[in-house]
Amino acid sequence: TALVARWPGVVAAGKRTDALVQYTDVLPTLMAAVGADVAADQFDGTSFLSVLQGETDSHREYAFGMHNNLPEGPAYPIRTVTDGTTRYIRNLTPDEIYIEKHLMGVSGNGRLNNLYWQTWVWDATESDHTYNLVRRYTRRPPEQLYVTEQDRYELNNVVDDPNYQEIQSRLSGVLDDWMRSQGDPGIPQDTREALQASRKGHHLYGPDKK
């Protein structure tokens, strides 16, 4: 996801950068912008104020992402990491099908949430292309690797290409390290029990579990 920033007099209009940032960096950046003291170990993220000020075009070596599907659909935990040119995705329950109820479902009053999904399903009997779109969305492999600087829509999974095995191994290891650092157990994080605990302000896993 692109980050768009507007700060007249500080962020140059039309300026673009390939610096990697993530959501955990936003609060430290805002605090740094107002001159607040931020201890190095106070947050998982770090300030990218120098990027906004045009002093540098780089920030992180890696940016991480996580997706727990509940309550938007049945459990389907996903973890990912990018180095800015390639993205590695790990689907933790690949034997399950991915369902997102707001995209694919019908609400209690019978209204369709997104008509285009139903048109895809309808057309899948006649079009191999549409069938493959539906299948690709609902059935996902254990691992995916995309060269995003060449394949911006992430359509060509090269995880089994021997030319990219070194990159796959590196990113997989980096993701493992990050999950350990976050106390992220993976699959158990995307359960009804974990969701109910989070709604009560509790943590079932990690160093700050209650």
C-alpha atoms as a PDB file:
ATOM      1  CA  THR A   1       0.000   0.000   0.000  1.00  0.00           C
ATOM      2  CA  ALA A   2       1.337   3.389  -0.929  1.00  0.00           C
ATOM      3  CA  LEU A   3       1.722   6.041   1.752  1.00  0.00           C
ATOM      4  CA  VAL A   4       0.641   9.553   0.758  1.00  0.00           C
ATOM      5  CA  ALA A   5       1.798  12.457   2.921  1.00  0.00           C
ATOM      6  CA  ARG A   6       0.924  16.150   2.689  1.00  0.00           C
ATOM      7  CA  TRP A   7       2.853  18.612   4.825  1.00  0.00           C
ATOM      8  CA  PRO A   8       3.127  22.058   3.207  1.00  0.00           C
ATOM      9  CA  GLY A   9       6.584  23.534   3.561  1.00  0.00           C
ATOM     10  CA  VAL A  10       8.143  20.194   4.561  1.00  0.00           C
ATOM     11  CA  VAL A  11       7.079  17.474   2.127  1.00  0.00           C
ATOM     12  CA  ALA A  12       7.894  18.588  -1.393  1.00  0.00           C
ATOM     13  CA  ALA A  13       4.894  18.509  -3.724  1.00  0.00           C
ATOM     14  CA  GLY A  14       5.111  15.636  -6.195  1.00  0.00           C
ATOM     15  CA  LYS A  15       8.061  14.034  -4.398  1.00  0.00           C
ATOM     16  CA  ARG A  16       8.236  10.249  -4.660  1.00  0.00           C
ATOM     17  CA  THR A  17      10.436   7.802  -2.802  1.00  0.00           C
ATOM     18  CA  ASP A  18      10.865   4.037  -2.652  1.00  0.00           C
ATOM     19  CA  ALA A  19      11.536   4.101   1.103  1.00  0.00           C
ATOM     20  CA  LEU A  20       9.888   1.169   2.896  1.00  0.00           C
ATOM     21  CA  VAL A  21       7.733   2.098   5.875  1.00  0.00           C
ATOM     22  CA  GLN A  22       4.961   0.329   7.770  1.00  0.00           C
ATOM     23  CA  TYR A  23       2.129   1.241  10.112  1.00  0.00           C
ATOM     24  CA  THR A  24       4.223   0.801  13.247  1.00  0.00           C
ATOM     25  CA  ASP A  25       6.445   3.641  12.017  1.00  0.00           C
ATOM     26  CA  VAL A  26       3.640   6.221  11.876  1.00  0.00           C
ATOM     27  CA  LEU A  27       3.325   7.042  15.597  1.00  0.00           C
ATOM     28  CA  PRO A  28       7.107   7.418  16.182  1.00  0.00           C
ATOM     29  CA  THR A  29       7.206   9.688  13.121  1.00  0.00           C
ATOM     30  CA  LEU A  30       4.411  11.918  14.414  1.00  0.00           C
ATOM     31  CA  MET A  31       6.078  12.120  17.821  1.00  0.00           C
ATOM     32  CA  ALA A  32       9.417  13.018  16.256  1.00  0.00           C
ATOM     33  CA  ALA A  33       7.697  15.680  14.140  1.00  0.00           C
ATOM     34  CA  VAL A  34       6.445  17.484  17.270  1.00  0.00           C
ATOM     35  CA  GLY A  35       9.778  17.123  19.073  1.00  0.00           C
ATOM     36  CA  ALA A  36       8.716  14.469  21.577  1.00  0.00           C
ATOM     37  CA  ASP A  37      11.384  12.193  23.035  1.00  0.00           C
ATOM     38  CA  VAL A  38      11.048   8.636  21.786  1.00  0.00           C
ATOM     39  CA  ALA A  39      13.160   5.890  23.351  1.00  0.00           C
ATOM     40  CA  ALA A  40      14.732   3.505  20.860  1.00  0.00           C
ATOM     41  CA  ASP A  41      12.943   0.515  22.429  1.00  0.00           C
ATOM     42  CA  GLN A  42       9.620   2.247  23.091  1.00  0.00           C
ATOM     43  CA  PHE A  43       7.981   1.139  19.823  1.00  0.00           C
ATOM     44  CA  ASP A  44       8.362  -1.619  17.272  1.00  0.00           C
ATOM     45  CA  GLY A  45       8.465   1.095  14.598  1.00  0.00           C
ATOM     46  CA  THR A  46      10.938   3.890  13.977  1.00  0.00           C
ATOM     47  CA  SER A  47      10.518   7.446  12.742  1.00  0.00           C
ATOM     48  CA  PHE A  48      10.742   8.134   9.018  1.00  0.00           C
ATOM     49  CA  LEU A  49      10.709  11.897   9.549  1.00  0.00           C
ATOM     50  CA  SER A  50      13.969  12.237   7.627  1.00  0.00           C
ATOM     51  CA  VAL A  51      12.251  10.684   4.588  1.00  0.00           C
ATOM     52  CA  LEU A  52       9.418  13.204   4.790  1.00  0.00           C
ATOM     53  CA  GLN A  53      11.929  16.023   5.091  1.00  0.00           C
ATOM     54  CA  GLY A  54      13.716  14.833   1.945  1.00  0.00           C
ATOM     55  CA  GLU A  55      16.958  14.029   3.740  1.00  0.00           C
ATOM     56  CA  THR A  56      16.988  10.371   2.700  1.00  0.00           C
ATOM     57  CA  ASP A  57      15.205   8.013   0.306  1.00  0.00           C
ATOM     58  CA  SER A  58      15.491   4.907   2.444  1.00  0.00           C
ATOM     59  CA  HIS A  59      14.146   3.741   5.790  1.00  0.00           C
ATOM     60  CA  ARG A  60      13.556   0.030   6.355  1.00  0.00           C
ATOM     61  CA  GLU A  61      15.332  -2.955   4.878  1.00  0.00           C
ATOM     62  CA  TYR A  62      12.127  -4.986   5.192  1.00  0.00           C
ATOM     63  CA  ALA A  63       8.439  -4.264   5.724  1.00  0.00           C
ATOM     64  CA  PHE A  64       6.152  -6.895   7.222  1.00  0.00           C
ATOM     65  CA  GLY A  65       2.458  -7.635   6.984  1.00  0.00           C
ATOM     66  CA  MET A  66      -0.015  -9.924   8.676  1.00  0.00           C
ATOM     67  CA  HIS A  67      -3.608 -10.875   7.953  1.00  0.00           C
ATOM     68  CA  ASN A  68      -5.944 -12.675  10.340  1.00  0.00           C
ATOM     69  CA  ASN A  69      -9.245 -13.270   8.583  1.00  0.00           C
ATOM     70  CA  LEU A  70     -11.660 -13.401  11.511  1.00  0.00           C
ATOM     71  CA  PRO A  71     -14.224 -11.790  11.722  1.00  0.00           C
ATOM     72  CA  GLU A  72     -14.254 -10.978   7.970  1.00  0.00           C
ATOM     73  CA  GLY A  73     -14.503 -14.674   7.162  1.00  0.00           C
ATOM     74  CA  PRO A  74     -13.323 -18.085   8.390  1.00  0.00           C
ATOM     75  CA  ALA A  75      -9.804 -18.225   9.786  1.00  0.00           C
ATOM     76  CA  TYR A  76      -7.095 -17.799   7.142  1.00  0.00           C
ATOM     77  CA  PRO A  77      -3.868 -16.407   8.632  1.00  0.00           C
ATOM     78  CA  ILE A  78      -1.310 -14.905   6.239  1.00  0.00           C
ATOM     79  CA  ARG A  79       2.144 -13.430   6.901  1.00  0.00           C
ATOM     80  CA  THR A  80       4.321 -11.534   4.425  1.00  0.00           C
ATOM     81  CA  VAL A  81       7.567  -9.619   4.031  1.00  0.00           C
ATOM     82  CA  THR A  82       8.950  -7.406   1.280  1.00  0.00           C
ATOM     83  CA  ASP A  83      12.374  -5.948   0.623  1.00  0.00           C
ATOM     84  CA  GLY A  84      10.971  -3.426  -1.831  1.00  0.00           C
ATOM     85  CA  THR A  85      11.673  -5.456  -4.962  1.00  0.00           C
ATOM     86  CA  THR A  86      10.307  -8.884  -4.033  1.00  0.00           C
ATOM     87  CA  ARG A  87       7.469 -10.002  -1.793  1.00  0.00           C
ATOM     88  CA  TYR A  88       7.273 -13.336   0.041  1.00  0.00           C
ATOM     89  CA  ILE A  89       3.858 -14.508   1.262  1.00  0.00           C
ATOM     90  CA  ARG A  90       3.179 -17.428   3.583  1.00  0.00           C
ATOM     91  CA  ASN A  91      -0.365 -18.802   3.743  1.00  0.00           C
ATOM     92  CA  LEU A  92      -0.432 -20.692   7.034  1.00  0.00           C
ATOM     93  CA  THR A  93      -3.516 -22.820   6.277  1.00  0.00           C
ATOM     94  CA  PRO A  94      -3.285 -23.465   2.513  1.00  0.00           C
ATOM     95  CA  ASP A  95      -5.585 -26.493   2.681  1.00  0.00           C
ATOM     96  CA  GLU A  96      -8.464 -24.194   3.604  1.00  0.00           C
ATOM     97  CA  ILE A  97     -10.276 -21.916   1.169  1.00  0.00           C
ATOM     98  CA  TYR A  98     -10.081 -18.151   1.511  1.00  0.00           C
ATOM     99  CA  ILE A  99     -13.459 -16.479   2.092  1.00  0.00           C
ATOM    100  CA  GLU A 100     -14.057 -12.774   2.614  1.00  0.00           C
ATOM    101  CA  LYS A 101     -17.727 -12.296   3.437  1.00  0.00           C
ATOM    102  CA  HIS A 102     -17.956  -8.628   2.421  1.00  0.00           C
ATOM    103  CA  LEU A 103     -16.668  -9.498  -1.036  1.00  0.00           C
ATOM    104  CA  MET A 104     -18.238 -12.880  -1.554  1.00  0.00           C
ATOM    105  CA  GLY A 105     -21.273 -13.114   0.723  1.00  0.00           C
ATOM    106  CA  VAL A 106     -24.894 -12.071   0.888  1.00  0.00           C
ATOM    107  CA  SER A 107     -26.023 -10.087   3.940  1.00  0.00           C
ATOM    108  CA  GLY A 108     -28.960 -11.126   6.130  1.00  0.00           C
ATOM    109  CA  ASN A 109     -31.365  -8.896   4.233  1.00  0.00           C
ATOM    110  CA  GLY A 110     -30.501 -10.661   0.988  1.00  0.00           C
ATOM    111  CA  ARG A 111     -28.472  -7.803  -0.482  1.00  0.00           C
ATOM    112  CA  LEU A 112     -25.358  -8.653  -2.455  1.00  0.00           C
ATOM    113  CA  ASN A 113     -22.312  -6.814  -1.169  1.00  0.00           C
ATOM    114  CA  ASN A 114     -20.267  -6.919  -4.371  1.00  0.00           C
ATOM    115  CA  LEU A 115     -21.986  -7.754  -7.616  1.00  0.00           C
ATOM    116  CA  TYR A 116     -18.772  -8.308  -9.557  1.00  0.00           C
ATOM    117  CA  TRP A 117     -17.827 -11.393  -7.506  1.00  0.00           C
ATOM    118  CA  GLN A 118     -21.158 -13.045  -8.348  1.00  0.00           C
ATOM    119  CA  THR A 119     -20.607 -12.237 -12.039  1.00  0.00           C
ATOM    120  CA  TRP A 120     -17.204 -13.934 -11.849  1.00  0.00           C
ATOM    121  CA  VAL A 121     -18.711 -17.070 -10.322  1.00  0.00           C
ATOM    122  CA  TRP A 122     -21.475 -17.074 -12.934  1.00  0.00           C
ATOM    123  CA  ASP A 123     -19.008 -16.623 -15.785  1.00  0.00           C
ATOM    124  CA  ALA A 124     -16.567 -19.260 -14.466  1.00  0.00           C
ATOM    125  CA  THR A 125     -18.496 -22.031 -16.228  1.00  0.00           C
ATOM    126  CA  GLU A 126     -17.871 -20.426 -19.609  1.00  0.00           C
ATOM    127  CA  SER A 127     -14.479 -18.759 -19.219  1.00  0.00           C
ATOM    128  CA  ASP A 128     -11.263 -20.481 -18.189  1.00  0.00           C
ATOM    129  CA  HIS A 129      -9.770 -17.068 -17.441  1.00  0.00           C
ATOM    130  CA  THR A 130     -12.553 -16.167 -15.003  1.00  0.00           C
ATOM    131  CA  TYR A 131     -12.454 -19.628 -13.427  1.00  0.00           C
ATOM    132  CA  ASN A 132      -8.740 -19.211 -12.785  1.00  0.00           C
ATOM    133  CA  LEU A 133      -9.372 -15.817 -11.161  1.00  0.00           C
ATOM    134  CA  VAL A 134     -11.920 -17.336  -8.771  1.00  0.00           C
ATOM    135  CA  ARG A 135      -9.699 -20.324  -8.049  1.00  0.00           C
ATOM    136  CA  ARG A 136      -6.630 -18.129  -7.494  1.00  0.00           C
ATOM    137  CA  TYR A 137      -8.498 -16.034  -4.949  1.00  0.00           C
ATOM    138  CA  THR A 138      -9.952 -18.915  -2.939  1.00  0.00           C
ATOM    139  CA  ARG A 139      -7.204 -21.555  -3.269  1.00  0.00           C
ATOM    140  CA  ARG A 140      -3.749 -20.382  -2.313  1.00  0.00           C
ATOM    141  CA  PRO A 141      -0.424 -22.237  -2.137  1.00  0.00           C
ATOM    142  CA  PRO A 142       1.621 -22.506   1.072  1.00  0.00           C
ATOM    143  CA  GLU A 143       4.148 -19.971  -0.231  1.00  0.00           C
ATOM    144  CA  GLN A 144       4.187 -17.242  -2.864  1.00  0.00           C
ATOM    145  CA  LEU A 145       7.032 -15.117  -4.165  1.00  0.00           C
ATOM    146  CA  TYR A 146       6.616 -12.154  -6.489  1.00  0.00           C
ATOM    147  CA  VAL A 147       9.199  -9.926  -8.134  1.00  0.00           C
ATOM    148  CA  THR A 148       7.114  -6.822  -7.515  1.00  0.00           C
ATOM    149  CA  GLU A 149       9.429  -4.402  -9.324  1.00  0.00           C
ATOM    150  CA  GLN A 150       8.589  -6.298 -12.532  1.00  0.00           C
ATOM    151  CA  ASP A 151       5.222  -7.822 -11.585  1.00  0.00           C
ATOM    152  CA  ARG A 152       3.403  -5.048  -9.749  1.00  0.00           C
ATOM    153  CA  TYR A 153       0.072  -6.912  -9.605  1.00  0.00           C
ATOM    154  CA  GLU A 154       1.719 -10.076  -8.236  1.00  0.00           C
ATOM    155  CA  LEU A 155       0.394 -12.478 -10.846  1.00  0.00           C
ATOM    156  CA  ASN A 156       3.495 -14.599 -11.506  1.00  0.00           C
ATOM    157  CA  ASN A 157       4.397 -16.736  -8.507  1.00  0.00           C
ATOM    158  CA  VAL A 158       8.094 -17.644  -8.839  1.00  0.00           C
ATOM    159  CA  VAL A 159       8.445 -19.494  -5.524  1.00  0.00           C
ATOM    160  CA  ASP A 160       9.336 -22.748  -7.335  1.00  0.00           C
ATOM    161  CA  ASP A 161      11.718 -21.088  -9.785  1.00  0.00           C
ATOM    162  CA  PRO A 162      15.280 -22.207  -8.918  1.00  0.00           C
ATOM    163  CA  ASN A 163      16.555 -18.782  -9.981  1.00  0.00           C
ATOM    164  CA  TYR A 164      14.810 -17.268  -6.946  1.00  0.00           C
ATOM    165  CA  GLN A 165      15.505 -19.918  -4.310  1.00  0.00           C
ATOM    166  CA  GLU A 166      18.132 -17.808  -2.551  1.00  0.00           C
ATOM    167  CA  ILE A 167      15.732 -14.868  -2.272  1.00  0.00           C
ATOM    168  CA  GLN A 168      12.913 -17.137  -1.095  1.00  0.00           C
ATOM    169  CA  SER A 169      15.141 -18.671   1.594  1.00  0.00           C
ATOM    170  CA  ARG A 170      16.337 -15.256   2.796  1.00  0.00           C
ATOM    171  CA  LEU A 171      12.873 -13.714   3.015  1.00  0.00           C
ATOM    172  CA  SER A 172      11.429 -16.822   4.650  1.00  0.00           C
ATOM    173  CA  GLY A 173      14.110 -16.660   7.339  1.00  0.00           C
ATOM    174  CA  VAL A 174      13.563 -12.932   7.869  1.00  0.00           C
ATOM    175  CA  LEU A 175       9.825 -13.559   8.301  1.00  0.00           C
ATOM    176  CA  ASP A 176      10.503 -16.342  10.822  1.00  0.00           C
ATOM    177  CA  ASP A 177      12.701 -13.991  12.854  1.00  0.00           C
ATOM    178  CA  TRP A 178      10.077 -11.241  12.780  1.00  0.00           C
ATOM    179  CA  MET A 179       7.284 -13.558  13.917  1.00  0.00           C
ATOM    180  CA  ARG A 180       9.419 -14.735  16.832  1.00  0.00           C
ATOM    181  CA  SER A 181      10.244 -11.147  17.787  1.00  0.00           C
ATOM    182  CA  GLN A 182       6.525 -10.305  17.831  1.00  0.00           C
ATOM    183  CA  GLY A 183       5.505 -13.372  19.823  1.00  0.00           C
ATOM    184  CA  ASP A 184       3.345 -14.302  16.828  1.00  0.00           C
ATOM    185  CA  PRO A 185       2.286 -17.982  16.987  1.00  0.00           C
ATOM    186  CA  GLY A 186       0.748 -17.864  13.523  1.00  0.00           C
ATOM    187  CA  ILE A 187      -2.306 -20.099  13.183  1.00  0.00           C
ATOM    188  CA  PRO A 188      -3.501 -19.803  16.832  1.00  0.00           C
ATOM    189  CA  GLN A 189      -3.662 -16.022  16.387  1.00  0.00           C
ATOM    190  CA  ASP A 190      -6.561 -16.337  13.915  1.00  0.00           C
ATOM    191  CA  THR A 191      -9.117 -18.145  16.077  1.00  0.00           C
ATOM    192  CA  ARG A 192     -12.414 -17.172  17.681  1.00  0.00           C
ATOM    193  CA  GLU A 193     -10.764 -17.502  21.088  1.00  0.00           C
ATOM    194  CA  ALA A 194      -7.981 -15.098  20.166  1.00  0.00           C
ATOM    195  CA  LEU A 195     -10.481 -12.662  18.626  1.00  0.00           C
ATOM    196  CA  GLN A 196     -12.660 -12.654  21.743  1.00  0.00           C
ATOM    197  CA  ALA A 197      -9.595 -12.115  23.933  1.00  0.00           C
ATOM    198  CA  SER A 198      -8.426  -9.171  21.811  1.00  0.00           C
ATOM    199  CA  ARG A 199     -11.855  -7.554  22.078  1.00  0.00           C
ATOM    200  CA  LYS A 200     -11.491  -7.709  25.854  1.00  0.00           C
ATOM    201  CA  GLY A 201      -8.049  -6.111  25.645  1.00  0.00           C
ATOM    202  CA  HIS A 202      -6.249  -9.355  26.473  1.00  0.00           C
ATOM    203  CA  HIS A 203      -3.395 -11.108  24.643  1.00  0.00           C
ATOM    204  CA  LEU A 204      -3.235 -14.890  24.489  1.00  0.00           C
ATOM    205  CA  TYR A 205       0.243 -14.935  23.010  1.00  0.00           C
ATOM    206  CA  GLY A 206       3.454 -12.964  23.107  1.00  0.00           C
ATOM    207  CA  PRO A 207       5.505 -11.384  25.892  1.00  0.00           C
ATOM    208  CA  ASP A 208       2.614  -9.180  27.073  1.00  0.00           C
ATOM    209  CA  LYS A 209      -0.025 -11.891  27.259  1.00  0.00           C
ATOM    210  CA  LYS A 210      -2.622 -11.585  30.021  1.00  0.00           C
END
